[in-house]
C-alpha atoms as a PDB file:
ATOM      1  CA  UNK A   1     -11.753  18.263  -8.305  1.00  0.00           C
ATOM      2  CA  UNK A   2      -9.614  15.264  -9.153  1.00  0.00           C
ATOM      3  CA  UNK A   3      -8.332  12.251  -7.248  1.00  0.00           C
ATOM      4  CA  UNK A   4      -4.803  13.272  -6.368  1.00  0.00           C
ATOM      5  CA  UNK A   5      -2.243  10.718  -5.158  1.00  0.00           C
ATOM      6  CA  UNK A   6      -2.640  12.195  -1.678  1.00  0.00           C
ATOM      7  CA  UNK A   7      -6.423  11.704  -1.676  1.00  0.00           C
ATOM      8  CA  UNK A   8      -6.032   8.167  -2.988  1.00  0.00           C
ATOM      9  CA  UNK A   9      -3.611   7.378  -0.157  1.00  0.00           C
ATOM     10  CA  UNK A  10      -6.146   8.724   2.353  1.00  0.00           C
ATOM     11  CA  UNK A  11      -8.928   6.652   0.777  1.00  0.00           C
ATOM     12  CA  UNK A  12      -6.721   3.570   1.008  1.00  0.00           C
ATOM     13  CA  UNK A  13      -6.238   4.172   4.739  1.00  0.00           C
ATOM     14  CA  UNK A  14      -9.971   4.716   5.276  1.00  0.00           C
ATOM     15  CA  UNK A  15     -10.651   1.456   3.448  1.00  0.00           C
ATOM     16  CA  UNK A  16      -8.580  -0.420   6.058  1.00  0.00           C
ATOM     17  CA  UNK A  17     -10.859   0.433   8.963  1.00  0.00           C
ATOM     18  CA  UNK A  18     -13.276  -2.246  10.173  1.00  0.00           C
ATOM     19  CA  UNK A  19     -16.654  -0.536  10.143  1.00  0.00           C
ATOM     20  CA  UNK A  20     -18.237  -3.476  11.965  1.00  0.00           C
ATOM     21  CA  UNK A  21     -16.169  -2.728  15.070  1.00  0.00           C
ATOM     22  CA  UNK A  22     -15.578   0.920  15.952  1.00  0.00           C
ATOM     23  CA  UNK A  23     -13.413  -0.167  18.892  1.00  0.00           C
ATOM     24  CA  UNK A  24     -10.832  -1.479  16.438  1.00  0.00           C
ATOM     25  CA  UNK A  25      -8.365   1.178  15.381  1.00  0.00           C
ATOM     26  CA  UNK A  26      -5.275   1.358  13.210  1.00  0.00           C
ATOM     27  CA  UNK A  27      -1.705   2.299  13.971  1.00  0.00           C
ATOM     28  CA  UNK A  28       0.681   3.415  11.258  1.00  0.00           C
ATOM     29  CA  UNK A  29       4.106   2.702  12.670  1.00  0.00           C
ATOM     30  CA  UNK A  30       7.105   4.934  12.010  1.00  0.00           C
ATOM     31  CA  UNK A  31       8.653   2.207   9.836  1.00  0.00           C
ATOM     32  CA  UNK A  32       5.543   2.010   7.629  1.00  0.00           C
ATOM     33  CA  UNK A  33       5.423   3.255   4.073  1.00  0.00           C
ATOM     34  CA  UNK A  34       6.013   7.053   4.148  1.00  0.00           C
ATOM     35  CA  UNK A  35       2.972   7.522   1.900  1.00  0.00           C
ATOM     36  CA  UNK A  36       0.769   5.851   4.538  1.00  0.00           C
ATOM     37  CA  UNK A  37       2.411   7.876   7.311  1.00  0.00           C
ATOM     38  CA  UNK A  38       1.671  11.137   5.519  1.00  0.00           C
ATOM     39  CA  UNK A  39      -1.889  10.043   4.693  1.00  0.00           C
ATOM     40  CA  UNK A  40      -2.771   9.185   8.297  1.00  0.00           C
ATOM     41  CA  UNK A  41      -1.280  12.492   9.470  1.00  0.00           C
ATOM     42  CA  UNK A  42      -3.481  14.353   6.967  1.00  0.00           C
ATOM     43  CA  UNK A  43      -6.550  12.378   8.097  1.00  0.00           C
ATOM     44  CA  UNK A  44      -5.755  13.394  11.670  1.00  0.00           C
ATOM     45  CA  UNK A  45      -5.429  17.013  10.614  1.00  0.00           C
ATOM     46  CA  UNK A  46      -8.841  16.794   8.947  1.00  0.00           C
ATOM     47  CA  UNK A  47     -10.380  15.413  12.135  1.00  0.00           C
ATOM     48  CA  UNK A  48     -11.121  11.955  10.735  1.00  0.00           C
ATOM     49  CA  UNK A  49      -8.958   9.926  13.133  1.00  0.00           C
ATOM     50  CA  UNK A  50      -8.129  10.400  16.810  1.00  0.00           C
ATOM     51  CA  UNK A  51      -4.321  10.179  16.652  1.00  0.00           C
ATOM     52  CA  UNK A  52      -1.636  11.475  14.298  1.00  0.00           C
ATOM     53  CA  UNK A  53      -0.494   7.873  13.776  1.00  0.00           C
ATOM     54  CA  UNK A  54      -3.982   6.407  13.391  1.00  0.00           C
ATOM     55  CA  UNK A  55      -6.120   5.496  16.345  1.00  0.00           C
ATOM     56  CA  UNK A  56      -9.867   5.326  16.009  1.00  0.00           C
ATOM     57  CA  UNK A  57     -12.190   6.955  13.536  1.00  0.00           C
ATOM     58  CA  UNK A  58     -14.023  10.050  14.724  1.00  0.00           C
ATOM     59  CA  UNK A  59     -17.718  10.315  13.881  1.00  0.00           C
ATOM     60  CA  UNK A  60     -16.749  12.278  10.763  1.00  0.00           C
ATOM     61  CA  UNK A  61     -14.139   9.613  10.028  1.00  0.00           C
ATOM     62  CA  UNK A  62     -16.777   6.882  10.249  1.00  0.00           C
ATOM     63  CA  UNK A  63     -18.866   8.749   7.681  1.00  0.00           C
ATOM     64  CA  UNK A  64     -15.850   9.191   5.411  1.00  0.00           C
ATOM     65  CA  UNK A  65     -14.792   5.538   5.754  1.00  0.00           C
ATOM     66  CA  UNK A  66     -18.332   4.357   5.007  1.00  0.00           C
ATOM     67  CA  UNK A  67     -18.407   6.424   1.832  1.00  0.00           C
ATOM     68  CA  UNK A  68     -14.883   5.406   0.803  1.00  0.00           C
ATOM     69  CA  UNK A  69     -15.610   1.718   1.329  1.00  0.00           C
ATOM     70  CA  UNK A  70     -18.957   1.970  -0.474  1.00  0.00           C
ATOM     71  CA  UNK A  71     -17.286   3.666  -3.440  1.00  0.00           C
ATOM     72  CA  UNK A  72     -14.607   0.984  -3.533  1.00  0.00           C
ATOM     73  CA  UNK A  73     -17.266  -1.737  -3.487  1.00  0.00           C
ATOM     74  CA  UNK A  74     -19.260  -0.080  -6.272  1.00  0.00           C
ATOM     75  CA  UNK A  75     -16.255   0.520  -8.512  1.00  0.00           C
ATOM     76  CA  UNK A  76     -14.737  -2.922  -7.915  1.00  0.00           C
ATOM     77  CA  UNK A  77     -17.971  -4.764  -8.638  1.00  0.00           C
ATOM     78  CA  UNK A  78     -18.943  -3.143 -11.915  1.00  0.00           C
ATOM     79  CA  UNK A  79     -17.949  -5.024 -15.071  1.00  0.00           C
ATOM     80  CA  UNK A  80     -16.084  -3.031 -17.688  1.00  0.00           C
ATOM     81  CA  UNK A  81     -17.921  -2.084 -20.814  1.00  0.00           C
END
């Protein structure tokens, strides 16, 4: 399995969620970047968010966002070499 552009776009959306406040959702407006619009729709189809345009994370979405944000932290904090 590889990181496709579609998966990367979904990871970027998951990284935007505030995991310290599960009552805080996201809304991807219809004038947003089409890539983000498609990504949030796919996340909804996978059962990770509550609305086709964002909303709140489901329990599975919380797990996915935690992993995505942890991976981002690990990869961003490691020095090259």
